[in-house]
Amino acid sequence: MSRPTSKFGGALAKLRQESASNPETGEPENLKAGKQERPVVPAAAPAPEPAAREKYSTSLPSNLVKAMKLHAVKAGVKDYAVVEAALREYLERHGD
């Protein structure tokens, strides 16, 4: 009985054949007899719940929006994170 050919063109059969001829593939050899003990890892503290977020929009000069987006891309962050950081810094400086 032959299996129908898949869209992978026999790649699975080829991998099976290679793994059968290569004894170093598959699961690692268990060198210890019996049950192996796992190290005890303390549970991580639960992540703090994120602050409630509210959608907000405004209009800004085009050159400022472009500069903010360019900065976000270079820094590898989302544009709203740049705006949030700038607003927090502004409010810290101006006492609100």
C-alpha atoms as a PDB file:
ATOM      1  CA  MET A   1       0.000   0.000   0.000  1.00  0.00           C
ATOM      2  CA  SER A   2       1.598   3.309  -1.032  1.00  0.00           C
ATOM      3  CA  ARG A   3       0.935   6.584   0.748  1.00  0.00           C
ATOM      4  CA  PRO A   4      -0.396   9.512  -1.268  1.00  0.00           C
ATOM      5  CA  THR A   5       2.240  12.102  -2.062  1.00  0.00           C
ATOM      6  CA  SER A   6       1.921  15.235   0.054  1.00  0.00           C
ATOM      7  CA  LYS A   7       2.505  18.786  -1.018  1.00  0.00           C
ATOM      8  CA  PHE A   8       5.985  18.472   0.483  1.00  0.00           C
ATOM      9  CA  GLY A   9       7.080  16.097  -2.260  1.00  0.00           C
ATOM     10  CA  GLY A  10       8.341  13.289  -0.074  1.00  0.00           C
ATOM     11  CA  ALA A  11      10.412  15.521   2.223  1.00  0.00           C
ATOM     12  CA  LEU A  12       9.002  13.787   5.306  1.00  0.00           C
ATOM     13  CA  ALA A  13       9.973  10.375   3.947  1.00  0.00           C
ATOM     14  CA  LYS A  14      13.480  11.653   3.220  1.00  0.00           C
ATOM     15  CA  LEU A  15      13.832  13.026   6.770  1.00  0.00           C
ATOM     16  CA  ARG A  16      12.652   9.725   8.226  1.00  0.00           C
ATOM     17  CA  GLN A  17      15.178   7.847   6.111  1.00  0.00           C
ATOM     18  CA  GLU A  18      18.018  10.173   7.153  1.00  0.00           C
ATOM     19  CA  SER A  19      17.140   9.949  10.841  1.00  0.00           C
ATOM     20  CA  ALA A  20      17.054   6.137  10.646  1.00  0.00           C
ATOM     21  CA  SER A  21      20.543   6.090   9.140  1.00  0.00           C
ATOM     22  CA  ASN A  22      21.919   8.641  11.621  1.00  0.00           C
ATOM     23  CA  PRO A  23      21.866   7.232  15.186  1.00  0.00           C
ATOM     24  CA  GLU A  24      22.702  10.615  16.766  1.00  0.00           C
ATOM     25  CA  THR A  25      19.325  12.143  15.925  1.00  0.00           C
ATOM     26  CA  GLY A  26      16.271  12.021  18.096  1.00  0.00           C
ATOM     27  CA  GLU A  27      16.123  12.046  21.864  1.00  0.00           C
ATOM     28  CA  PRO A  28      19.314  12.200  23.916  1.00  0.00           C
ATOM     29  CA  GLU A  29      20.572   9.014  25.466  1.00  0.00           C
ATOM     30  CA  ASN A  30      19.641   8.504  29.119  1.00  0.00           C
ATOM     31  CA  LEU A  31      22.947   7.744  30.821  1.00  0.00           C
ATOM     32  CA  LYS A  32      21.489   7.313  34.324  1.00  0.00           C
ATOM     33  CA  ALA A  33      19.318   4.396  35.262  1.00  0.00           C
ATOM     34  CA  GLY A  34      16.125   5.226  37.068  1.00  0.00           C
ATOM     35  CA  LYS A  35      14.287   8.481  37.511  1.00  0.00           C
ATOM     36  CA  GLN A  36      16.229  11.745  37.164  1.00  0.00           C
ATOM     37  CA  GLU A  37      15.482  14.535  39.600  1.00  0.00           C
ATOM     38  CA  ARG A  38      14.751  17.993  38.304  1.00  0.00           C
ATOM     39  CA  PRO A  39      16.230  21.003  40.087  1.00  0.00           C
ATOM     40  CA  VAL A  40      13.757  22.928  42.217  1.00  0.00           C
ATOM     41  CA  VAL A  41      12.982  26.271  40.630  1.00  0.00           C
ATOM     42  CA  PRO A  42      11.133  28.856  42.733  1.00  0.00           C
ATOM     43  CA  ALA A  43       7.913  30.156  41.260  1.00  0.00           C
ATOM     44  CA  ALA A  44       8.149  33.562  39.654  1.00  0.00           C
ATOM     45  CA  ALA A  45       6.240  36.421  41.211  1.00  0.00           C
ATOM     46  CA  PRO A  46       3.025  37.183  39.347  1.00  0.00           C
ATOM     47  CA  ALA A  47       3.327  39.994  36.848  1.00  0.00           C
ATOM     48  CA  PRO A  48       1.759  43.241  37.997  1.00  0.00           C
ATOM     49  CA  GLU A  49      -1.521  44.044  36.331  1.00  0.00           C
ATOM     50  CA  PRO A  50      -1.136  46.696  33.633  1.00  0.00           C
ATOM     51  CA  ALA A  51      -2.699  50.069  34.314  1.00  0.00           C
ATOM     52  CA  ALA A  52      -6.030  50.693  32.666  1.00  0.00           C
ATOM     53  CA  ARG A  53      -5.534  52.299  29.278  1.00  0.00           C
ATOM     54  CA  GLU A  54      -7.732  54.785  27.498  1.00  0.00           C
ATOM     55  CA  LYS A  55      -7.656  55.614  23.815  1.00  0.00           C
ATOM     56  CA  TYR A  56      -6.709  59.236  23.190  1.00  0.00           C
ATOM     57  CA  SER A  57      -5.942  61.114  20.011  1.00  0.00           C
ATOM     58  CA  THR A  58      -4.818  64.594  19.142  1.00  0.00           C
ATOM     59  CA  SER A  59      -3.338  66.432  16.210  1.00  0.00           C
ATOM     60  CA  LEU A  60       0.313  67.430  16.077  1.00  0.00           C
ATOM     61  CA  PRO A  61       2.492  69.138  13.477  1.00  0.00           C
ATOM     62  CA  SER A  62       3.511  66.689  10.723  1.00  0.00           C
ATOM     63  CA  ASN A  63       7.232  67.185  11.280  1.00  0.00           C
ATOM     64  CA  LEU A  64       6.832  66.326  14.996  1.00  0.00           C
ATOM     65  CA  VAL A  65       4.861  63.156  14.173  1.00  0.00           C
ATOM     66  CA  LYS A  66       7.511  62.094  11.631  1.00  0.00           C
ATOM     67  CA  ALA A  67      10.320  62.740  14.120  1.00  0.00           C
ATOM     68  CA  MET A  68       8.511  60.772  16.826  1.00  0.00           C
ATOM     69  CA  LYS A  69       7.876  57.809  14.499  1.00  0.00           C
ATOM     70  CA  LEU A  70      11.487  57.825  13.289  1.00  0.00           C
ATOM     71  CA  HIS A  71      12.725  57.880  16.883  1.00  0.00           C
ATOM     72  CA  ALA A  72      10.418  54.973  17.761  1.00  0.00           C
ATOM     73  CA  VAL A  73      11.702  52.869  14.864  1.00  0.00           C
ATOM     74  CA  LYS A  74      15.347  53.594  15.720  1.00  0.00           C
ATOM     75  CA  ALA A  75      14.723  52.799  19.404  1.00  0.00           C
ATOM     76  CA  GLY A  76      12.748  49.644  18.555  1.00  0.00           C
ATOM     77  CA  VAL A  77       9.623  50.730  20.437  1.00  0.00           C
ATOM     78  CA  LYS A  78       6.049  51.568  19.526  1.00  0.00           C
ATOM     79  CA  ASP A  79       5.236  55.193  18.763  1.00  0.00           C
ATOM     80  CA  TYR A  80       2.744  55.393  21.613  1.00  0.00           C
ATOM     81  CA  ALA A  81       5.521  54.428  24.053  1.00  0.00           C
ATOM     82  CA  VAL A  82       7.521  57.463  22.926  1.00  0.00           C
ATOM     83  CA  VAL A  83       4.503  59.725  23.413  1.00  0.00           C
ATOM     84  CA  GLU A  84       3.769  58.187  26.826  1.00  0.00           C
ATOM     85  CA  ALA A  85       7.374  58.634  28.012  1.00  0.00           C
ATOM     86  CA  ALA A  86       7.466  62.231  26.790  1.00  0.00           C
ATOM     87  CA  LEU A  87       4.178  63.070  28.502  1.00  0.00           C
ATOM     88  CA  ARG A  88       5.273  61.463  31.782  1.00  0.00           C
ATOM     89  CA  GLU A  89       8.550  63.410  31.692  1.00  0.00           C
ATOM     90  CA  TYR A  90       6.698  66.658  30.943  1.00  0.00           C
ATOM     91  CA  LEU A  91       4.283  66.124  33.824  1.00  0.00           C
ATOM     92  CA  GLU A  92       7.160  65.315  36.226  1.00  0.00           C
ATOM     93  CA  ARG A  93       8.950  68.534  35.296  1.00  0.00           C
ATOM     94  CA  HIS A  94       5.860  70.683  35.560  1.00  0.00           C
ATOM     95  CA  GLY A  95       4.443  69.233  38.779  1.00  0.00           C
ATOM     96  CA  ASP A  96       1.314  67.429  37.648  1.00  0.00           C
END
